[in-house]
Amino acid sequence: MKERITILIADDHTIVRTGLAALLETVPGMAVVGEARNGNEAVQQSLKLRPDVVIMDLMMPKKDGAAATGELRELLPETRVLLLTSFATSDGISRAIAAGAAGVVMKDSPNKALIEAIRAVASGKSAISPEVRRLIASDPPAQTLTPRQAEVLQSLTLGLTNRDIARQLSISEDRVEQHVRTLLEKLGAANRTEAVALAFRKHLLKI
């Protein structure tokens, strides 16, 4: 274990960054060396400061936590990423883990859990809690949608018929019907209404 763990906090909410910094500065052997307001800043600041650990929020503007994690793992493989999130769906978490996040902590976790996770990832270990593993197992991430499928799904939220969608996207009704069937299969939905509900819950839609 390193004598001093340097930490960068990446979160788009000032109050979260301030609170985390205040907490971690009280922990012996930990030092907050920088902050970032979005995924782009997280990468830029990490390249400048080279922290041991980046505490990365999942949902941020300009570049989300999963994308920033993937970039950091390529540019600074020695820097470890600890995902911090309040989203209780597995999709973004799974993407971040696949991109190279070494750990995941939910924002409602006790302070002790966060501190232990920081120490774990800084020492080269994984810190994915049983709670997160259960979430991923019980709520499998949705399969990746093609750009066209995403457009059809967005149209479904407006209550459009297949004919309306066909006109809107300049494709045939048969093609729309095929896309809808594929969407239902990928989302594990029984009908269009359930597909839209699942898409909103899993943050697959632009809103």
C-alpha atoms as a PDB file:
ATOM      1  CA  MET A   1       0.000   0.000   0.000  1.00  0.00           C
ATOM      2  CA  LYS A   2       1.292   3.459  -0.891  1.00  0.00           C
ATOM      3  CA  GLU A   3       1.982   5.800   2.022  1.00  0.00           C
ATOM      4  CA  ARG A   4      -0.054   8.561   0.326  1.00  0.00           C
ATOM      5  CA  ILE A   5      -2.913   7.994  -2.109  1.00  0.00           C
ATOM      6  CA  THR A   6      -3.509  10.949  -4.409  1.00  0.00           C
ATOM      7  CA  ILE A   7      -7.094  11.401  -5.584  1.00  0.00           C
ATOM      8  CA  LEU A   8      -8.915  13.335  -8.305  1.00  0.00           C
ATOM      9  CA  ILE A   9     -12.674  13.863  -7.850  1.00  0.00           C
ATOM     10  CA  ALA A  10     -14.753  14.036 -11.041  1.00  0.00           C
ATOM     11  CA  ASP A  11     -18.393  15.028 -10.541  1.00  0.00           C
ATOM     12  CA  ASP A  12     -20.556  17.692 -12.159  1.00  0.00           C
ATOM     13  CA  HIS A  13     -22.085  18.761  -8.828  1.00  0.00           C
ATOM     14  CA  THR A  14     -19.994  21.216  -6.803  1.00  0.00           C
ATOM     15  CA  ILE A  15     -21.568  20.169  -3.527  1.00  0.00           C
ATOM     16  CA  VAL A  16     -20.591  16.531  -4.142  1.00  0.00           C
ATOM     17  CA  ARG A  17     -16.990  17.426  -4.983  1.00  0.00           C
ATOM     18  CA  THR A  18     -16.742  19.695  -1.956  1.00  0.00           C
ATOM     19  CA  GLY A  19     -18.235  17.098   0.373  1.00  0.00           C
ATOM     20  CA  LEU A  20     -15.996  14.303  -0.877  1.00  0.00           C
ATOM     21  CA  ALA A  21     -12.900  16.491  -0.655  1.00  0.00           C
ATOM     22  CA  ALA A  22     -13.754  17.495   2.923  1.00  0.00           C
ATOM     23  CA  LEU A  23     -14.262  13.851   3.885  1.00  0.00           C
ATOM     24  CA  LEU A  24     -11.120  12.505   2.247  1.00  0.00           C
ATOM     25  CA  GLU A  25      -8.849  15.245   3.584  1.00  0.00           C
ATOM     26  CA  THR A  26      -9.613  13.901   7.076  1.00  0.00           C
ATOM     27  CA  VAL A  27      -8.399  10.412   6.165  1.00  0.00           C
ATOM     28  CA  PRO A  28      -4.726   9.756   6.959  1.00  0.00           C
ATOM     29  CA  GLY A  29      -2.734   8.822   3.887  1.00  0.00           C
ATOM     30  CA  MET A  30      -5.173  10.338   1.377  1.00  0.00           C
ATOM     31  CA  ALA A  31      -4.841  13.644  -0.468  1.00  0.00           C
ATOM     32  CA  VAL A  32      -7.231  15.243  -2.948  1.00  0.00           C
ATOM     33  CA  VAL A  33      -5.047  16.792  -5.635  1.00  0.00           C
ATOM     34  CA  GLY A  34      -7.702  18.015  -8.069  1.00  0.00           C
ATOM     35  CA  GLU A  35     -11.310  18.180  -9.211  1.00  0.00           C
ATOM     36  CA  ALA A  36     -13.140  17.917 -12.531  1.00  0.00           C
ATOM     37  CA  ARG A  37     -16.654  18.951 -13.567  1.00  0.00           C
ATOM     38  CA  ASN A  38     -17.094  16.613 -16.537  1.00  0.00           C
ATOM     39  CA  GLY A  39     -15.534  13.665 -18.302  1.00  0.00           C
ATOM     40  CA  ASN A  40     -13.302  15.792 -20.519  1.00  0.00           C
ATOM     41  CA  GLU A  41     -11.890  17.648 -17.527  1.00  0.00           C
ATOM     42  CA  ALA A  42     -11.403  14.341 -15.708  1.00  0.00           C
ATOM     43  CA  VAL A  43      -9.115  13.135 -18.490  1.00  0.00           C
ATOM     44  CA  GLN A  44      -7.293  16.469 -18.852  1.00  0.00           C
ATOM     45  CA  GLN A  45      -6.720  16.904 -15.113  1.00  0.00           C
ATOM     46  CA  SER A  46      -5.610  13.304 -14.729  1.00  0.00           C
ATOM     47  CA  LEU A  47      -3.000  13.728 -17.465  1.00  0.00           C
ATOM     48  CA  LYS A  48      -1.740  16.848 -15.679  1.00  0.00           C
ATOM     49  CA  LEU A  49      -1.863  15.601 -12.072  1.00  0.00           C
ATOM     50  CA  ARG A  50      -1.431  11.829 -12.535  1.00  0.00           C
ATOM     51  CA  PRO A  51      -3.463  10.816  -9.458  1.00  0.00           C
ATOM     52  CA  ASP A  52      -3.413   7.304  -8.057  1.00  0.00           C
ATOM     53  CA  VAL A  53      -7.223   7.156  -8.033  1.00  0.00           C
ATOM     54  CA  VAL A  54      -9.949   9.012  -9.912  1.00  0.00           C
ATOM     55  CA  ILE A  55     -13.349   8.994  -8.223  1.00  0.00           C
ATOM     56  CA  MET A  56     -15.542   9.133 -11.310  1.00  0.00           C
ATOM     57  CA  ASP A  57     -19.224  10.051 -11.429  1.00  0.00           C
ATOM     58  CA  LEU A  58     -21.119   7.992 -13.986  1.00  0.00           C
ATOM     59  CA  MET A  59     -23.436  10.645 -15.423  1.00  0.00           C
ATOM     60  CA  MET A  60     -21.582  13.819 -16.419  1.00  0.00           C
ATOM     61  CA  PRO A  61     -21.850  16.328 -19.291  1.00  0.00           C
ATOM     62  CA  LYS A  62     -19.578  16.412 -22.352  1.00  0.00           C
ATOM     63  CA  LYS A  63     -18.257  12.896 -21.667  1.00  0.00           C
ATOM     64  CA  ASP A  64     -19.817  10.397 -19.297  1.00  0.00           C
ATOM     65  CA  GLY A  65     -17.931   8.413 -16.687  1.00  0.00           C
ATOM     66  CA  ALA A  66     -17.749   5.227 -18.725  1.00  0.00           C
ATOM     67  CA  ALA A  67     -16.244   6.995 -21.756  1.00  0.00           C
ATOM     68  CA  ALA A  68     -13.790   8.933 -19.594  1.00  0.00           C
ATOM     69  CA  THR A  69     -12.793   5.724 -17.835  1.00  0.00           C
ATOM     70  CA  GLY A  70     -11.992   4.018 -21.122  1.00  0.00           C
ATOM     71  CA  GLU A  71      -9.868   6.965 -22.236  1.00  0.00           C
ATOM     72  CA  LEU A  72      -7.999   7.091 -18.952  1.00  0.00           C
ATOM     73  CA  ARG A  73      -7.224   3.380 -19.022  1.00  0.00           C
ATOM     74  CA  GLU A  74      -5.564   3.874 -22.413  1.00  0.00           C
ATOM     75  CA  LEU A  75      -3.671   7.052 -21.545  1.00  0.00           C
ATOM     76  CA  LEU A  76      -2.841   6.431 -17.866  1.00  0.00           C
ATOM     77  CA  PRO A  77      -3.023   2.705 -17.137  1.00  0.00           C
ATOM     78  CA  GLU A  78      -1.396   3.249 -13.742  1.00  0.00           C
ATOM     79  CA  THR A  79      -4.296   5.477 -12.596  1.00  0.00           C
ATOM     80  CA  ARG A  80      -7.178   3.512 -11.115  1.00  0.00           C
ATOM     81  CA  VAL A  81     -10.810   4.551 -11.600  1.00  0.00           C
ATOM     82  CA  LEU A  82     -13.417   4.167  -8.880  1.00  0.00           C
ATOM     83  CA  LEU A  83     -16.926   4.724 -10.191  1.00  0.00           C
ATOM     84  CA  LEU A  84     -19.314   6.644  -7.929  1.00  0.00           C
ATOM     85  CA  THR A  85     -22.958   6.578  -8.951  1.00  0.00           C
ATOM     86  CA  SER A  86     -26.510   6.988  -7.737  1.00  0.00           C
ATOM     87  CA  PHE A  87     -28.063   5.194 -10.742  1.00  0.00           C
ATOM     88  CA  ALA A  88     -29.660   1.908  -9.759  1.00  0.00           C
ATOM     89  CA  THR A  89     -29.517   0.384 -13.240  1.00  0.00           C
ATOM     90  CA  SER A  90     -26.780  -1.840 -14.513  1.00  0.00           C
ATOM     91  CA  ASP A  91     -26.237  -0.442 -18.008  1.00  0.00           C
ATOM     92  CA  GLY A  92     -23.888   2.458 -17.317  1.00  0.00           C
ATOM     93  CA  ILE A  93     -22.154   0.572 -14.509  1.00  0.00           C
ATOM     94  CA  SER A  94     -21.494  -2.404 -16.780  1.00  0.00           C
ATOM     95  CA  ARG A  95     -20.106  -0.111 -19.488  1.00  0.00           C
ATOM     96  CA  ALA A  96     -17.749   1.535 -16.992  1.00  0.00           C
ATOM     97  CA  ILE A  97     -16.514  -1.816 -15.672  1.00  0.00           C
ATOM     98  CA  ALA A  98     -15.973  -3.032 -19.227  1.00  0.00           C
ATOM     99  CA  ALA A  99     -14.051   0.198 -19.922  1.00  0.00           C
ATOM    100  CA  GLY A 100     -11.701  -0.526 -17.026  1.00  0.00           C
ATOM    101  CA  ALA A 101     -13.194   0.830 -13.783  1.00  0.00           C
ATOM    102  CA  ALA A 102     -11.535  -0.964 -10.881  1.00  0.00           C
ATOM    103  CA  GLY A 103     -14.406  -0.421  -8.474  1.00  0.00           C
ATOM    104  CA  VAL A 104     -17.949   0.815  -8.042  1.00  0.00           C
ATOM    105  CA  VAL A 105     -19.460   2.567  -5.029  1.00  0.00           C
ATOM    106  CA  MET A 106     -23.055   3.726  -4.786  1.00  0.00           C
ATOM    107  CA  LYS A 107     -23.494   7.312  -3.593  1.00  0.00           C
ATOM    108  CA  ASP A 108     -25.692   6.213  -0.704  1.00  0.00           C
ATOM    109  CA  SER A 109     -22.961   3.906   0.640  1.00  0.00           C
ATOM    110  CA  PRO A 110     -21.421   4.632   4.082  1.00  0.00           C
ATOM    111  CA  ASN A 111     -18.268   6.770   4.138  1.00  0.00           C
ATOM    112  CA  LYS A 112     -16.329   3.757   5.383  1.00  0.00           C
ATOM    113  CA  ALA A 113     -17.239   1.781   2.239  1.00  0.00           C
ATOM    114  CA  LEU A 114     -15.906   4.560  -0.009  1.00  0.00           C
ATOM    115  CA  ILE A 115     -12.649   4.852   1.926  1.00  0.00           C
ATOM    116  CA  GLU A 116     -12.111   1.082   1.875  1.00  0.00           C
ATOM    117  CA  ALA A 117     -12.831   1.014  -1.872  1.00  0.00           C
ATOM    118  CA  ILE A 118     -10.265   3.774  -2.522  1.00  0.00           C
ATOM    119  CA  ARG A 119      -7.624   1.846  -0.594  1.00  0.00           C
ATOM    120  CA  ALA A 120      -8.504  -1.363  -2.423  1.00  0.00           C
ATOM    121  CA  VAL A 121      -8.270   0.033  -5.953  1.00  0.00           C
ATOM    122  CA  ALA A 122      -5.127   2.012  -5.088  1.00  0.00           C
ATOM    123  CA  SER A 123      -3.472  -1.281  -4.075  1.00  0.00           C
ATOM    124  CA  GLY A 124      -4.430  -2.902  -7.374  1.00  0.00           C
ATOM    125  CA  LYS A 125      -7.489  -4.771  -6.169  1.00  0.00           C
ATOM    126  CA  SER A 126     -11.081  -4.723  -7.399  1.00  0.00           C
ATOM    127  CA  ALA A 127     -13.750  -3.016  -5.296  1.00  0.00           C
ATOM    128  CA  ILE A 128     -17.054  -4.030  -6.833  1.00  0.00           C
ATOM    129  CA  SER A 129     -19.450  -4.589  -3.976  1.00  0.00           C
ATOM    130  CA  PRO A 130     -21.798  -7.575  -3.670  1.00  0.00           C
ATOM    131  CA  GLU A 131     -24.647  -5.055  -3.931  1.00  0.00           C
ATOM    132  CA  VAL A 132     -23.469  -3.947  -7.381  1.00  0.00           C
ATOM    133  CA  ARG A 133     -22.857  -7.529  -8.506  1.00  0.00           C
ATOM    134  CA  ARG A 134     -26.410  -8.432  -7.466  1.00  0.00           C
ATOM    135  CA  LEU A 135     -27.733  -5.420  -9.372  1.00  0.00           C
ATOM    136  CA  ILE A 136     -25.968  -6.473 -12.564  1.00  0.00           C
ATOM    137  CA  ALA A 137     -27.196 -10.046 -12.158  1.00  0.00           C
ATOM    138  CA  SER A 138     -30.810  -9.033 -11.504  1.00  0.00           C
ATOM    139  CA  ASP A 139     -30.958  -6.225 -14.071  1.00  0.00           C
ATOM    140  CA  PRO A 140     -28.822  -7.274 -17.055  1.00  0.00           C
ATOM    141  CA  PRO A 141     -27.693  -4.366 -19.233  1.00  0.00           C
ATOM    142  CA  ALA A 142     -29.602  -3.818 -22.436  1.00  0.00           C
ATOM    143  CA  GLN A 143     -28.034  -4.906 -25.683  1.00  0.00           C
ATOM    144  CA  THR A 144     -26.501  -2.115 -27.740  1.00  0.00           C
ATOM    145  CA  LEU A 145     -28.928  -0.469 -30.158  1.00  0.00           C
ATOM    146  CA  THR A 146     -28.031   0.541 -33.686  1.00  0.00           C
ATOM    147  CA  PRO A 147     -28.525   4.238 -34.550  1.00  0.00           C
ATOM    148  CA  ARG A 148     -31.667   3.332 -36.543  1.00  0.00           C
ATOM    149  CA  GLN A 149     -33.096   1.267 -33.684  1.00  0.00           C
ATOM    150  CA  ALA A 150     -32.466   4.180 -31.339  1.00  0.00           C
ATOM    151  CA  GLU A 151     -34.380   6.465 -33.723  1.00  0.00           C
ATOM    152  CA  VAL A 152     -37.320   4.055 -33.833  1.00  0.00           C
ATOM    153  CA  LEU A 153     -37.297   3.750 -30.051  1.00  0.00           C
ATOM    154  CA  GLN A 154     -37.309   7.533 -29.721  1.00  0.00           C
ATOM    155  CA  SER A 155     -40.315   7.653 -32.062  1.00  0.00           C
ATOM    156  CA  LEU A 156     -42.146   5.080 -29.955  1.00  0.00           C
ATOM    157  CA  THR A 157     -42.005   7.454 -26.987  1.00  0.00           C
ATOM    158  CA  LEU A 158     -44.153   9.873 -28.999  1.00  0.00           C
ATOM    159  CA  GLY A 159     -46.832   7.241 -29.512  1.00  0.00           C
ATOM    160  CA  LEU A 160     -46.323   7.200 -33.278  1.00  0.00           C
ATOM    161  CA  THR A 161     -47.725   4.376 -35.377  1.00  0.00           C
ATOM    162  CA  ASN A 162     -45.552   2.295 -37.680  1.00  0.00           C
ATOM    163  CA  ARG A 163     -46.892   4.323 -40.608  1.00  0.00           C
ATOM    164  CA  ASP A 164     -45.964   7.590 -38.898  1.00  0.00           C
ATOM    165  CA  ILE A 165     -42.490   6.305 -38.062  1.00  0.00           C
ATOM    166  CA  ALA A 166     -41.998   5.085 -41.632  1.00  0.00           C
ATOM    167  CA  ARG A 167     -42.842   8.543 -42.959  1.00  0.00           C
ATOM    168  CA  GLN A 168     -40.648  10.248 -40.377  1.00  0.00           C
ATOM    169  CA  LEU A 169     -37.602   8.077 -41.089  1.00  0.00           C
ATOM    170  CA  SER A 170     -38.260   7.588 -44.830  1.00  0.00           C
ATOM    171  CA  ILE A 171     -38.304   3.796 -44.584  1.00  0.00           C
ATOM    172  CA  SER A 172     -41.001   1.183 -45.275  1.00  0.00           C
ATOM    173  CA  GLU A 173     -43.596   0.114 -42.712  1.00  0.00           C
ATOM    174  CA  ASP A 174     -42.298  -3.439 -42.965  1.00  0.00           C
ATOM    175  CA  ARG A 175     -38.847  -2.194 -42.014  1.00  0.00           C
ATOM    176  CA  VAL A 176     -40.269  -0.303 -39.049  1.00  0.00           C
ATOM    177  CA  GLU A 177     -42.086  -3.443 -37.908  1.00  0.00           C
ATOM    178  CA  GLN A 178     -38.823  -5.396 -38.082  1.00  0.00           C
ATOM    179  CA  HIS A 179     -37.044  -2.738 -36.003  1.00  0.00           C
ATOM    180  CA  VAL A 180     -39.829  -2.776 -33.389  1.00  0.00           C
ATOM    181  CA  ARG A 181     -39.654  -6.576 -33.108  1.00  0.00           C
ATOM    182  CA  THR A 182     -35.878  -6.406 -32.671  1.00  0.00           C
ATOM    183  CA  LEU A 183     -36.228  -3.673 -30.041  1.00  0.00           C
ATOM    184  CA  LEU A 184     -38.682  -5.769 -28.037  1.00  0.00           C
ATOM    185  CA  GLU A 185     -36.268  -8.712 -28.139  1.00  0.00           C
ATOM    186  CA  LYS A 186     -33.236  -6.629 -27.153  1.00  0.00           C
ATOM    187  CA  LEU A 187     -35.058  -4.942 -24.280  1.00  0.00           C
ATOM    188  CA  GLY A 188     -36.876  -8.080 -23.155  1.00  0.00           C
ATOM    189  CA  ALA A 189     -40.163  -6.189 -23.443  1.00  0.00           C
ATOM    190  CA  ALA A 190     -43.582  -7.688 -24.099  1.00  0.00           C
ATOM    191  CA  ASN A 191     -44.950  -4.671 -25.981  1.00  0.00           C
ATOM    192  CA  ARG A 192     -44.196  -1.133 -27.143  1.00  0.00           C
ATOM    193  CA  THR A 193     -45.307   0.487 -23.880  1.00  0.00           C
ATOM    194  CA  GLU A 194     -43.046  -1.749 -21.832  1.00  0.00           C
ATOM    195  CA  ALA A 195     -40.183  -1.108 -24.238  1.00  0.00           C
ATOM    196  CA  VAL A 196     -40.490   2.640 -23.735  1.00  0.00           C
ATOM    197  CA  ALA A 197     -40.691   2.248 -19.950  1.00  0.00           C
ATOM    198  CA  LEU A 198     -37.574   0.059 -19.909  1.00  0.00           C
ATOM    199  CA  ALA A 199     -35.727   2.452 -22.188  1.00  0.00           C
ATOM    200  CA  PHE A 200     -36.401   5.369 -19.854  1.00  0.00           C
ATOM    201  CA  ARG A 201     -35.371   3.344 -16.794  1.00  0.00           C
ATOM    202  CA  LYS A 202     -32.137   2.260 -18.447  1.00  0.00           C
ATOM    203  CA  HIS A 203     -31.410   5.791 -19.747  1.00  0.00           C
ATOM    204  CA  LEU A 204     -31.358   4.714 -23.391  1.00  0.00           C
ATOM    205  CA  LEU A 205     -33.316   7.731 -24.593  1.00  0.00           C
ATOM    206  CA  LYS A 206     -32.353  11.324 -25.261  1.00  0.00           C
ATOM    207  CA  ILE A 207     -34.584  13.460 -23.047  1.00  0.00           C
END
